[in-house]
PDB file of all heavy atoms in Angstrom:
ATOM      1  N   THR A   1     -45.677 -29.250 -44.412  1.00  0.00           N
ATOM      2  CA  THR A   1     -44.221 -28.970 -44.304  1.00  0.00           C
ATOM      3  C   THR A   1     -43.993 -27.480 -44.444  1.00  0.00           C
ATOM      4  O   THR A   1     -44.910 -26.705 -44.882  1.00  0.00           O
ATOM      5  CB  THR A   1     -43.422 -29.689 -45.391  1.00  0.00           C
ATOM      6  OG1 THR A   1     -43.769 -29.238 -46.665  1.00  0.00           O
ATOM      7  CG2 THR A   1     -43.648 -31.137 -45.268  1.00  0.00           C
ATOM      8  N   TRP A   2     -42.779 -27.062 -44.151  1.00  0.00           N
ATOM      9  CA  TRP A   2     -42.448 -25.585 -44.088  1.00  0.00           C
ATOM     10  C   TRP A   2     -42.685 -24.956 -45.465  1.00  0.00           C
ATOM     11  O   TRP A   2     -43.116 -23.892 -45.530  1.00  0.00           O
ATOM     12  CB  TRP A   2     -41.090 -25.340 -43.546  1.00  0.00           C
ATOM     13  CG  TRP A   2     -39.969 -25.825 -44.459  1.00  0.00           C
ATOM     14  CD1 TRP A   2     -39.386 -27.065 -44.416  1.00  0.00           C
ATOM     15  CD2 TRP A   2     -39.411 -25.108 -45.509  1.00  0.00           C
ATOM     16  NE1 TRP A   2     -38.504 -27.157 -45.481  1.00  0.00           N
ATOM     17  CE2 TRP A   2     -38.451 -25.943 -46.158  1.00  0.00           C
ATOM     18  CE3 TRP A   2     -39.575 -23.806 -46.086  1.00  0.00           C
ATOM     19  CZ2 TRP A   2     -37.638 -25.566 -47.220  1.00  0.00           C
ATOM     20  CZ3 TRP A   2     -38.798 -23.435 -47.160  1.00  0.00           C
ATOM     21  CH2 TRP A   2     -37.887 -24.296 -47.726  1.00  0.00           C
ATOM     22  N   TRP A   3     -42.318 -25.681 -46.537  1.00  0.00           N
ATOM     23  CA  TRP A   3     -42.314 -25.046 -47.832  1.00  0.00           C
ATOM     24  C   TRP A   3     -43.776 -25.030 -48.355  1.00  0.00           C
ATOM     25  O   TRP A   3     -43.981 -24.184 -49.311  1.00  0.00           O
ATOM     26  CB  TRP A   3     -41.403 -25.809 -48.830  1.00  0.00           C
ATOM     27  CG  TRP A   3     -41.736 -27.327 -49.065  1.00  0.00           C
ATOM     28  CD1 TRP A   3     -41.290 -28.350 -48.356  1.00  0.00           C
ATOM     29  CD2 TRP A   3     -42.758 -27.777 -50.007  1.00  0.00           C
ATOM     30  NE1 TRP A   3     -41.834 -29.517 -48.826  1.00  0.00           N
ATOM     31  CE2 TRP A   3     -42.734 -29.217 -49.817  1.00  0.00           C
ATOM     32  CE3 TRP A   3     -43.538 -27.268 -50.977  1.00  0.00           C
ATOM     33  CZ2 TRP A   3     -43.541 -29.982 -50.587  1.00  0.00           C
ATOM     34  CZ3 TRP A   3     -44.342 -28.039 -51.716  1.00  0.00           C
ATOM     35  CH2 TRP A   3     -44.296 -29.460 -51.525  1.00  0.00           C
ATOM     36  N   HIS A   4     -44.767 -25.646 -47.753  1.00  0.00           N
ATOM     37  CA  HIS A   4     -46.125 -25.474 -48.168  1.00  0.00           C
ATOM     38  C   HIS A   4     -46.564 -23.999 -47.758  1.00  0.00           C
ATOM     39  O   HIS A   4     -47.469 -23.505 -48.352  1.00  0.00           O
ATOM     40  CB  HIS A   4     -47.100 -26.469 -47.389  1.00  0.00           C
ATOM     41  CG  HIS A   4     -46.906 -27.804 -47.954  1.00  0.00           C
ATOM     42  ND1 HIS A   4     -47.412 -28.823 -47.214  1.00  0.00           N
ATOM     43  CD2 HIS A   4     -46.363 -28.300 -49.048  1.00  0.00           C
ATOM     44  CE1 HIS A   4     -47.172 -30.003 -47.820  1.00  0.00           C
ATOM     45  NE2 HIS A   4     -46.518 -29.702 -49.046  1.00  0.00           N
ATOM     46  N   TRP A   5     -45.874 -23.439 -46.859  1.00  0.00           N
ATOM     47  CA  TRP A   5     -46.399 -22.053 -46.374  1.00  0.00           C
ATOM     48  C   TRP A   5     -45.919 -21.013 -47.402  1.00  0.00           C
ATOM     49  O   TRP A   5     -46.505 -19.836 -47.303  1.00  0.00           O
ATOM     50  CB  TRP A   5     -45.772 -21.801 -44.967  1.00  0.00           C
ATOM     51  CG  TRP A   5     -46.487 -22.703 -44.013  1.00  0.00           C
ATOM     52  CD1 TRP A   5     -46.068 -23.839 -43.541  1.00  0.00           C
ATOM     53  CD2 TRP A   5     -47.788 -22.497 -43.414  1.00  0.00           C
ATOM     54  NE1 TRP A   5     -47.017 -24.385 -42.640  1.00  0.00           N
ATOM     55  CE2 TRP A   5     -48.048 -23.505 -42.551  1.00  0.00           C
ATOM     56  CE3 TRP A   5     -48.691 -21.401 -43.547  1.00  0.00           C
ATOM     57  CZ2 TRP A   5     -49.220 -23.621 -41.849  1.00  0.00           C
ATOM     58  CZ3 TRP A   5     -49.847 -21.508 -42.799  1.00  0.00           C
ATOM     59  CH2 TRP A   5     -50.162 -22.607 -41.969  1.00  0.00           C
ATOM     60  N   ILE A   6     -44.956 -21.232 -48.226  1.00  0.00           N
ATOM     61  CA  ILE A   6     -44.528 -20.263 -49.185  1.00  0.00           C
ATOM     62  C   ILE A   6     -45.689 -19.768 -50.105  1.00  0.00           C
ATOM     63  O   ILE A   6     -46.027 -18.632 -50.197  1.00  0.00           O
ATOM     64  CB  ILE A   6     -43.252 -20.708 -49.945  1.00  0.00           C
ATOM     65  CG1 ILE A   6     -42.114 -20.871 -48.973  1.00  0.00           C
ATOM     66  CG2 ILE A   6     -42.933 -19.715 -51.085  1.00  0.00           C
ATOM     67  CD1 ILE A   6     -40.905 -21.557 -49.510  1.00  0.00           C
ATOM     68  N   PRO A   7     -46.373 -20.748 -50.782  1.00  0.00           N
ATOM     69  CA  PRO A   7     -47.455 -20.306 -51.664  1.00  0.00           C
ATOM     70  C   PRO A   7     -48.604 -19.718 -50.828  1.00  0.00           C
ATOM     71  O   PRO A   7     -49.347 -18.775 -51.311  1.00  0.00           O
ATOM     72  CB  PRO A   7     -47.915 -21.537 -52.385  1.00  0.00           C
ATOM     73  CG  PRO A   7     -47.223 -22.671 -51.711  1.00  0.00           C
ATOM     74  CD  PRO A   7     -46.101 -22.187 -50.947  1.00  0.00           C
ATOM     75  N   ILE A   8     -48.736 -20.202 -49.660  1.00  0.00           N
ATOM     76  CA  ILE A   8     -49.927 -19.647 -48.828  1.00  0.00           C
ATOM     77  C   ILE A   8     -49.562 -18.150 -48.467  1.00  0.00           C
ATOM     78  O   ILE A   8     -50.459 -17.272 -48.623  1.00  0.00           O
ATOM     79  CB  ILE A   8     -50.054 -20.464 -47.499  1.00  0.00           C
ATOM     80  CG1 ILE A   8     -50.518 -21.887 -47.882  1.00  0.00           C
ATOM     81  CG2 ILE A   8     -51.037 -19.668 -46.568  1.00  0.00           C
ATOM     82  CD1 ILE A   8     -50.473 -22.813 -46.639  1.00  0.00           C
ATOM     83  N   ILE A   9     -48.324 -17.879 -48.132  1.00  0.00           N
ATOM     84  CA  ILE A   9     -47.976 -16.456 -47.884  1.00  0.00           C
ATOM     85  C   ILE A   9     -48.169 -15.592 -49.105  1.00  0.00           C
ATOM     86  O   ILE A   9     -48.665 -14.496 -49.017  1.00  0.00           O
ATOM     87  CB  ILE A   9     -46.608 -16.368 -47.310  1.00  0.00           C
ATOM     88  CG1 ILE A   9     -46.527 -16.964 -45.946  1.00  0.00           C
ATOM     89  CG2 ILE A   9     -46.075 -14.932 -47.245  1.00  0.00           C
ATOM     90  CD1 ILE A   9     -45.191 -17.267 -45.345  1.00  0.00           C
ATOM     91  N   VAL A  10     -47.782 -16.123 -50.326  1.00  0.00           N
ATOM     92  CA  VAL A  10     -47.966 -15.388 -51.573  1.00  0.00           C
ATOM     93  C   VAL A  10     -49.457 -15.091 -51.760  1.00  0.00           C
ATOM     94  O   VAL A  10     -49.821 -13.967 -52.124  1.00  0.00           O
ATOM     95  CB  VAL A  10     -47.326 -16.160 -52.740  1.00  0.00           C
ATOM     96  CG1 VAL A  10     -47.713 -15.514 -54.039  1.00  0.00           C
ATOM     97  CG2 VAL A  10     -45.798 -16.199 -52.608  1.00  0.00           C
ATOM     98  N   VAL A  11     -50.291 -16.115 -51.589  1.00  0.00           N
ATOM     99  CA  VAL A  11     -51.713 -15.865 -51.742  1.00  0.00           C
ATOM    100  C   VAL A  11     -52.253 -14.835 -50.786  1.00  0.00           C
ATOM    101  O   VAL A  11     -53.105 -14.035 -51.192  1.00  0.00           O
ATOM    102  CB  VAL A  11     -52.446 -17.241 -51.638  1.00  0.00           C
ATOM    103  CG1 VAL A  11     -53.953 -17.077 -51.599  1.00  0.00           C
ATOM    104  CG2 VAL A  11     -52.065 -18.176 -52.791  1.00  0.00           C
ATOM    105  N   ILE A  12     -51.801 -14.872 -49.553  1.00  0.00           N
ATOM    106  CA  ILE A  12     -52.226 -13.900 -48.566  1.00  0.00           C
ATOM    107  C   ILE A  12     -51.863 -12.504 -49.038  1.00  0.00           C
ATOM    108  O   ILE A  12     -52.758 -11.598 -48.942  1.00  0.00           O
ATOM    109  CB  ILE A  12     -51.726 -14.258 -47.144  1.00  0.00           C
ATOM    110  CG1 ILE A  12     -52.359 -15.497 -46.623  1.00  0.00           C
ATOM    111  CG2 ILE A  12     -51.889 -13.096 -46.256  1.00  0.00           C
ATOM    112  CD1 ILE A  12     -51.703 -16.033 -45.295  1.00  0.00           C
ATOM    113  N   VAL A  13     -50.676 -12.315 -49.442  1.00  0.00           N
ATOM    114  CA  VAL A  13     -50.156 -10.963 -49.931  1.00  0.00           C
ATOM    115  C   VAL A  13     -51.027 -10.464 -51.153  1.00  0.00           C
ATOM    116  O   VAL A  13     -51.525  -9.409 -51.132  1.00  0.00           O
ATOM    117  CB  VAL A  13     -48.675 -10.985 -50.336  1.00  0.00           C
ATOM    118  CG1 VAL A  13     -48.266  -9.738 -51.059  1.00  0.00           C
ATOM    119  CG2 VAL A  13     -47.907 -11.237 -48.987  1.00  0.00           C
ATOM    120  N   VAL A  14     -51.266 -11.344 -52.109  1.00  0.00           N
ATOM    121  CA  VAL A  14     -52.052 -11.035 -53.217  1.00  0.00           C
ATOM    122  C   VAL A  14     -53.488 -10.762 -52.753  1.00  0.00           C
ATOM    123  O   VAL A  14     -54.144  -9.807 -53.284  1.00  0.00           O
ATOM    124  CB  VAL A  14     -52.062 -12.095 -54.300  1.00  0.00           C
ATOM    125  CG1 VAL A  14     -53.078 -11.913 -55.434  1.00  0.00           C
ATOM    126  CG2 VAL A  14     -50.674 -12.289 -54.914  1.00  0.00           C
ATOM    127  N   ASP A  15     -54.092 -11.540 -51.832  1.00  0.00           N
ATOM    128  CA  ASP A  15     -55.350 -11.371 -51.297  1.00  0.00           C
ATOM    129  C   ASP A  15     -55.541  -9.985 -50.725  1.00  0.00           C
ATOM    130  O   ASP A  15     -56.550  -9.211 -51.031  1.00  0.00           O
ATOM    131  CB  ASP A  15     -55.608 -12.418 -50.206  1.00  0.00           C
ATOM    132  CG  ASP A  15     -57.053 -12.338 -49.713  1.00  0.00           C
ATOM    133  OD1 ASP A  15     -57.987 -11.836 -50.429  1.00  0.00           O
ATOM    134  OD2 ASP A  15     -57.288 -12.688 -48.542  1.00  0.00           O
ATOM    135  N   PHE A  16     -54.621  -9.556 -49.916  1.00  0.00           N
ATOM    136  CA  PHE A  16     -54.735  -8.225 -49.301  1.00  0.00           C
ATOM    137  C   PHE A  16     -54.549  -7.113 -50.306  1.00  0.00           C
ATOM    138  O   PHE A  16     -55.058  -5.998 -50.164  1.00  0.00           O
ATOM    139  CB  PHE A  16     -53.832  -8.110 -48.073  1.00  0.00           C
ATOM    140  CG  PHE A  16     -54.447  -8.803 -46.893  1.00  0.00           C
ATOM    141  CD1 PHE A  16     -54.153 -10.090 -46.627  1.00  0.00           C
ATOM    142  CD2 PHE A  16     -55.383  -8.100 -46.127  1.00  0.00           C
ATOM    143  CE1 PHE A  16     -54.780 -10.747 -45.520  1.00  0.00           C
ATOM    144  CE2 PHE A  16     -55.970  -8.779 -45.043  1.00  0.00           C
ATOM    145  CZ  PHE A  16     -55.671 -10.044 -44.781  1.00  0.00           C
ATOM    146  N   HIS A  17     -53.820  -7.340 -51.412  1.00  0.00           N
ATOM    147  CA  HIS A  17     -53.761  -6.386 -52.496  1.00  0.00           C
ATOM    148  C   HIS A  17     -55.145  -6.164 -53.096  1.00  0.00           C
ATOM    149  O   HIS A  17     -55.611  -5.093 -53.321  1.00  0.00           O
ATOM    150  CB  HIS A  17     -52.813  -6.873 -53.544  1.00  0.00           C
ATOM    151  CG  HIS A  17     -52.773  -6.013 -54.769  1.00  0.00           C
ATOM    152  ND1 HIS A  17     -52.310  -4.781 -54.830  1.00  0.00           N
ATOM    153  CD2 HIS A  17     -53.278  -6.276 -56.018  1.00  0.00           C
ATOM    154  CE1 HIS A  17     -52.506  -4.293 -56.068  1.00  0.00           C
ATOM    155  NE2 HIS A  17     -53.102  -5.176 -56.751  1.00  0.00           N
ATOM    156  N   TRP A  18     -55.894  -7.278 -53.360  1.00  0.00           N
ATOM    157  CA  TRP A  18     -57.164  -7.191 -53.944  1.00  0.00           C
ATOM    158  C   TRP A  18     -58.153  -6.543 -52.985  1.00  0.00           C
ATOM    159  O   TRP A  18     -58.985  -5.722 -53.370  1.00  0.00           O
ATOM    160  CB  TRP A  18     -57.774  -8.519 -54.331  1.00  0.00           C
ATOM    161  CG  TRP A  18     -56.985  -9.290 -55.429  1.00  0.00           C
ATOM    162  CD1 TRP A  18     -56.661 -10.621 -55.401  1.00  0.00           C
ATOM    163  CD2 TRP A  18     -56.548  -8.796 -56.701  1.00  0.00           C
ATOM    164  NE1 TRP A  18     -56.025 -10.940 -56.520  1.00  0.00           N
ATOM    165  CE2 TRP A  18     -55.888  -9.837 -57.362  1.00  0.00           C
ATOM    166  CE3 TRP A  18     -56.580  -7.504 -57.253  1.00  0.00           C
ATOM    167  CZ2 TRP A  18     -55.324  -9.658 -58.622  1.00  0.00           C
ATOM    168  CZ3 TRP A  18     -56.017  -7.361 -58.524  1.00  0.00           C
ATOM    169  CH2 TRP A  18     -55.470  -8.386 -59.168  1.00  0.00           C
ATOM    170  N   LEU A  19     -57.966  -6.775 -51.743  1.00  0.00           N
ATOM    171  CA  LEU A  19     -58.820  -6.125 -50.687  1.00  0.00           C
ATOM    172  C   LEU A  19     -58.562  -4.620 -50.639  1.00  0.00           C
ATOM    173  O   LEU A  19     -59.550  -3.859 -50.653  1.00  0.00           O
ATOM    174  CB  LEU A  19     -58.473  -6.736 -49.259  1.00  0.00           C
ATOM    175  CG  LEU A  19     -59.316  -6.285 -48.110  1.00  0.00           C
ATOM    176  CD1 LEU A  19     -60.742  -6.700 -48.156  1.00  0.00           C
ATOM    177  CD2 LEU A  19     -58.733  -6.824 -46.796  1.00  0.00           C
ATOM    178  N   ALA A  20     -57.345  -4.199 -50.748  1.00  0.00           N
ATOM    179  CA  ALA A  20     -57.084  -2.815 -50.866  1.00  0.00           C
ATOM    180  C   ALA A  20     -57.629  -2.168 -52.069  1.00  0.00           C
ATOM    181  O   ALA A  20     -58.144  -1.068 -52.089  1.00  0.00           O
ATOM    182  CB  ALA A  20     -55.534  -2.595 -50.746  1.00  0.00           C
ATOM    183  N   LYS A  21     -57.493  -2.878 -53.211  1.00  0.00           N
ATOM    184  CA  LYS A  21     -58.027  -2.346 -54.448  1.00  0.00           C
ATOM    185  C   LYS A  21     -59.616  -2.153 -54.413  1.00  0.00           C
ATOM    186  O   LYS A  21     -60.074  -1.240 -54.920  1.00  0.00           O
ATOM    187  CB  LYS A  21     -57.604  -3.248 -55.692  1.00  0.00           C
ATOM    188  CG  LYS A  21     -56.199  -3.323 -55.955  1.00  0.00           C
ATOM    189  CD  LYS A  21     -55.680  -2.039 -56.430  1.00  0.00           C
ATOM    190  CE  LYS A  21     -56.123  -1.803 -57.868  1.00  0.00           C
ATOM    191  NZ  LYS A  21     -55.498  -0.546 -58.453  1.00  0.00           N
ATOM    192  N   ALA A  22     -60.250  -3.107 -53.731  1.00  0.00           N
ATOM    193  CA  ALA A  22     -61.695  -3.077 -53.569  1.00  0.00           C
ATOM    194  C   ALA A  22     -62.084  -1.790 -52.806  1.00  0.00           C
ATOM    195  O   ALA A  22     -63.041  -1.056 -53.030  1.00  0.00           O
ATOM    196  CB  ALA A  22     -62.257  -4.289 -52.977  1.00  0.00           C
ATOM    197  N   CYS A  23     -61.305  -1.523 -51.801  1.00  0.00           N
ATOM    198  CA  CYS A  23     -61.551  -0.333 -50.945  1.00  0.00           C
ATOM    199  C   CYS A  23     -61.343   0.983 -51.573  1.00  0.00           C
ATOM    200  O   CYS A  23     -61.761   2.061 -51.097  1.00  0.00           O
ATOM    201  CB  CYS A  23     -60.766  -0.391 -49.684  1.00  0.00           C
ATOM    202  SG  CYS A  23     -61.220  -1.714 -48.568  1.00  0.00           S
ATOM    203  N   GLU A  24     -60.721   1.031 -52.762  1.00  0.00           N
ATOM    204  CA  GLU A  24     -60.564   2.210 -53.493  1.00  0.00           C
ATOM    205  C   GLU A  24     -61.811   2.794 -54.146  1.00  0.00           C
ATOM    206  O   GLU A  24     -61.965   3.920 -54.302  1.00  0.00           O
ATOM    207  CB  GLU A  24     -59.447   2.050 -54.609  1.00  0.00           C
ATOM    208  CG  GLU A  24     -58.017   1.859 -54.081  1.00  0.00           C
ATOM    209  CD  GLU A  24     -57.044   1.570 -55.198  1.00  0.00           C
ATOM    210  OE1 GLU A  24     -57.408   1.546 -56.343  1.00  0.00           O
ATOM    211  OE2 GLU A  24     -55.890   1.347 -54.823  1.00  0.00           O
ATOM    212  N   SER A  25     -62.704   1.849 -54.403  1.00  0.00           N
ATOM    213  CA  SER A  25     -63.956   2.291 -55.130  1.00  0.00           C
ATOM    214  C   SER A  25     -65.232   1.946 -54.376  1.00  0.00           C
ATOM    215  O   SER A  25     -66.331   2.373 -54.762  1.00  0.00           O
ATOM    216  CB  SER A  25     -64.006   1.702 -56.515  1.00  0.00           C
ATOM    217  OG  SER A  25     -63.931   0.361 -56.442  1.00  0.00           O
ATOM    218  N   LEU A  26     -65.150   1.221 -53.268  1.00  0.00           N
ATOM    219  CA  LEU A  26     -66.363   0.831 -52.461  1.00  0.00           C
ATOM    220  C   LEU A  26     -66.034   1.302 -51.025  1.00  0.00           C
ATOM    221  O   LEU A  26     -64.939   1.381 -50.594  1.00  0.00           O
ATOM    222  CB  LEU A  26     -66.521  -0.629 -52.524  1.00  0.00           C
ATOM    223  CG  LEU A  26     -66.971  -1.179 -53.850  1.00  0.00           C
ATOM    224  CD1 LEU A  26     -66.932  -2.745 -53.867  1.00  0.00           C
ATOM    225  CD2 LEU A  26     -68.273  -0.720 -54.311  1.00  0.00           C
ATOM    226  N   PRO A  27     -67.173   1.461 -50.219  1.00  0.00           N
ATOM    227  CA  PRO A  27     -66.891   1.791 -48.838  1.00  0.00           C
ATOM    228  C   PRO A  27     -66.188   0.622 -48.062  1.00  0.00           C
ATOM    229  O   PRO A  27     -66.563  -0.511 -48.234  1.00  0.00           O
ATOM    230  CB  PRO A  27     -68.374   1.931 -48.259  1.00  0.00           C
ATOM    231  CG  PRO A  27     -69.165   2.157 -49.485  1.00  0.00           C
ATOM    232  CD  PRO A  27     -68.500   1.480 -50.597  1.00  0.00           C
ATOM    233  N   THR A  28     -65.178   1.053 -47.323  1.00  0.00           N
ATOM    234  CA  THR A  28     -64.314   0.049 -46.650  1.00  0.00           C
ATOM    235  C   THR A  28     -65.164  -0.852 -45.739  1.00  0.00           C
ATOM    236  O   THR A  28     -64.891  -2.001 -45.685  1.00  0.00           O
ATOM    237  CB  THR A  28     -63.243   0.787 -45.858  1.00  0.00           C
ATOM    238  OG1 THR A  28     -62.514   1.559 -46.796  1.00  0.00           O
ATOM    239  CG2 THR A  28     -62.285  -0.171 -45.214  1.00  0.00           C
ATOM    240  N   GLY A  29     -66.060  -0.315 -45.028  1.00  0.00           N
ATOM    241  CA  GLY A  29     -66.927  -1.119 -44.093  1.00  0.00           C
ATOM    242  C   GLY A  29     -67.705  -2.162 -44.776  1.00  0.00           C
ATOM    243  O   GLY A  29     -67.771  -3.287 -44.366  1.00  0.00           O
ATOM    244  N   THR A  30     -68.236  -1.839 -45.902  1.00  0.00           N
ATOM    245  CA  THR A  30     -68.960  -2.799 -46.742  1.00  0.00           C
ATOM    246  C   THR A  30     -67.965  -3.874 -47.321  1.00  0.00           C
ATOM    247  O   THR A  30     -68.280  -5.059 -47.232  1.00  0.00           O
ATOM    248  CB  THR A  30     -69.733  -2.125 -47.923  1.00  0.00           C
ATOM    249  OG1 THR A  30     -70.558  -1.094 -47.369  1.00  0.00           O
ATOM    250  CG2 THR A  30     -70.491  -3.121 -48.768  1.00  0.00           C
ATOM    251  N   VAL A  31     -66.886  -3.501 -47.855  1.00  0.00           N
ATOM    252  CA  VAL A  31     -65.939  -4.344 -48.452  1.00  0.00           C
ATOM    253  C   VAL A  31     -65.471  -5.377 -47.296  1.00  0.00           C
ATOM    254  O   VAL A  31     -65.502  -6.618 -47.483  1.00  0.00           O
ATOM    255  CB  VAL A  31     -64.677  -3.740 -49.005  1.00  0.00           C
ATOM    256  CG1 VAL A  31     -63.567  -4.639 -49.289  1.00  0.00           C
ATOM    257  CG2 VAL A  31     -65.030  -2.906 -50.179  1.00  0.00           C
ATOM    258  N   TYR A  32     -65.115  -4.838 -46.129  1.00  0.00           N
ATOM    259  CA  TYR A  32     -64.660  -5.718 -45.114  1.00  0.00           C
ATOM    260  C   TYR A  32     -65.781  -6.588 -44.552  1.00  0.00           C
ATOM    261  O   TYR A  32     -65.547  -7.749 -44.230  1.00  0.00           O
ATOM    262  CB  TYR A  32     -64.028  -4.919 -43.936  1.00  0.00           C
ATOM    263  CG  TYR A  32     -63.394  -5.853 -43.015  1.00  0.00           C
ATOM    264  CD1 TYR A  32     -62.226  -6.511 -43.248  1.00  0.00           C
ATOM    265  CD2 TYR A  32     -63.969  -6.241 -41.747  1.00  0.00           C
ATOM    266  CE1 TYR A  32     -61.613  -7.414 -42.381  1.00  0.00           C
ATOM    267  CE2 TYR A  32     -63.405  -7.113 -40.873  1.00  0.00           C
ATOM    268  CZ  TYR A  32     -62.236  -7.726 -41.184  1.00  0.00           C
ATOM    269  OH  TYR A  32     -61.680  -8.552 -40.341  1.00  0.00           O
ATOM    270  N   ALA A  33     -66.968  -6.077 -44.446  1.00  0.00           N
ATOM    271  CA  ALA A  33     -68.080  -7.048 -43.982  1.00  0.00           C
ATOM    272  C   ALA A  33     -68.344  -8.102 -44.916  1.00  0.00           C
ATOM    273  O   ALA A  33     -68.520  -9.276 -44.536  1.00  0.00           O
ATOM    274  CB  ALA A  33     -69.380  -6.167 -43.913  1.00  0.00           C
ATOM    275  N   VAL A  34     -68.277  -7.891 -46.190  1.00  0.00           N
ATOM    276  CA  VAL A  34     -68.436  -8.954 -47.206  1.00  0.00           C
ATOM    277  C   VAL A  34     -67.317  -9.949 -47.125  1.00  0.00           C
ATOM    278  O   VAL A  34     -67.487 -11.111 -47.117  1.00  0.00           O
ATOM    279  CB  VAL A  34     -68.572  -8.383 -48.630  1.00  0.00           C
ATOM    280  CG1 VAL A  34     -68.507  -9.522 -49.707  1.00  0.00           C
ATOM    281  CG2 VAL A  34     -69.907  -7.566 -48.788  1.00  0.00           C
ATOM    282  N   PHE A  35     -66.086  -9.381 -47.046  1.00  0.00           N
ATOM    283  CA  PHE A  35     -64.860 -10.211 -46.971  1.00  0.00           C
ATOM    284  C   PHE A  35     -64.961 -11.127 -45.688  1.00  0.00           C
ATOM    285  O   PHE A  35     -64.635 -12.288 -45.821  1.00  0.00           O
ATOM    286  CB  PHE A  35     -63.660  -9.236 -46.852  1.00  0.00           C
ATOM    287  CG  PHE A  35     -62.292  -9.928 -46.638  1.00  0.00           C
ATOM    288  CD1 PHE A  35     -61.707 -10.638 -47.640  1.00  0.00           C
ATOM    289  CD2 PHE A  35     -61.779  -9.841 -45.301  1.00  0.00           C
ATOM    290  CE1 PHE A  35     -60.351 -11.144 -47.359  1.00  0.00           C
ATOM    291  CE2 PHE A  35     -60.501 -10.453 -45.124  1.00  0.00           C
ATOM    292  CZ  PHE A  35     -59.914 -11.028 -46.102  1.00  0.00           C
ATOM    293  N   ALA A  36     -65.303 -10.580 -44.600  1.00  0.00           N
ATOM    294  CA  ALA A  36     -65.338 -11.380 -43.342  1.00  0.00           C
ATOM    295  C   ALA A  36     -66.474 -12.349 -43.373  1.00  0.00           C
ATOM    296  O   ALA A  36     -66.310 -13.466 -42.925  1.00  0.00           O
ATOM    297  CB  ALA A  36     -65.511 -10.354 -42.107  1.00  0.00           C
ATOM    298  N   ALA A  37     -67.668 -11.954 -43.967  1.00  0.00           N
ATOM    299  CA  ALA A  37     -68.754 -12.890 -43.973  1.00  0.00           C
ATOM    300  C   ALA A  37     -68.552 -14.024 -44.911  1.00  0.00           C
ATOM    301  O   ALA A  37     -68.759 -15.227 -44.590  1.00  0.00           O
ATOM    302  CB  ALA A  37     -69.966 -12.158 -44.415  1.00  0.00           C
ATOM    303  N   VAL A  38     -67.995 -13.739 -46.144  1.00  0.00           N
ATOM    304  CA  VAL A  38     -67.632 -14.863 -47.038  1.00  0.00           C
ATOM    305  C   VAL A  38     -66.601 -15.792 -46.470  1.00  0.00           C
ATOM    306  O   VAL A  38     -66.673 -17.023 -46.559  1.00  0.00           O
ATOM    307  CB  VAL A  38     -67.255 -14.257 -48.454  1.00  0.00           C
ATOM    308  CG1 VAL A  38     -66.727 -15.391 -49.283  1.00  0.00           C
ATOM    309  CG2 VAL A  38     -68.385 -13.588 -49.096  1.00  0.00           C
ATOM    310  N   GLY A  39     -65.575 -15.175 -45.857  1.00  0.00           N
ATOM    311  CA  GLY A  39     -64.601 -15.935 -45.175  1.00  0.00           C
ATOM    312  C   GLY A  39     -65.123 -16.859 -44.024  1.00  0.00           C
ATOM    313  O   GLY A  39     -64.758 -18.012 -43.977  1.00  0.00           O
ATOM    314  N   THR A  40     -65.982 -16.301 -43.227  1.00  0.00           N
ATOM    315  CA  THR A  40     -66.478 -16.972 -42.113  1.00  0.00           C
ATOM    316  C   THR A  40     -67.410 -18.149 -42.650  1.00  0.00           C
ATOM    317  O   THR A  40     -67.302 -19.336 -42.212  1.00  0.00           O
ATOM    318  CB  THR A  40     -67.291 -16.092 -41.238  1.00  0.00           C
ATOM    319  OG1 THR A  40     -66.429 -15.055 -40.750  1.00  0.00           O
ATOM    320  CG2 THR A  40     -67.879 -16.873 -40.044  1.00  0.00           C
TER     321      THR A  40
END
């Protein structure tokens, strides 16, 4: 239902915050490669 998407959107926003924080201290290419591989 439509309201199920509210927590999903919150999780996505928090997720991309953690992704950005990881890129502050690690090479972005490595962070994204791990992120994409684990996701896939």
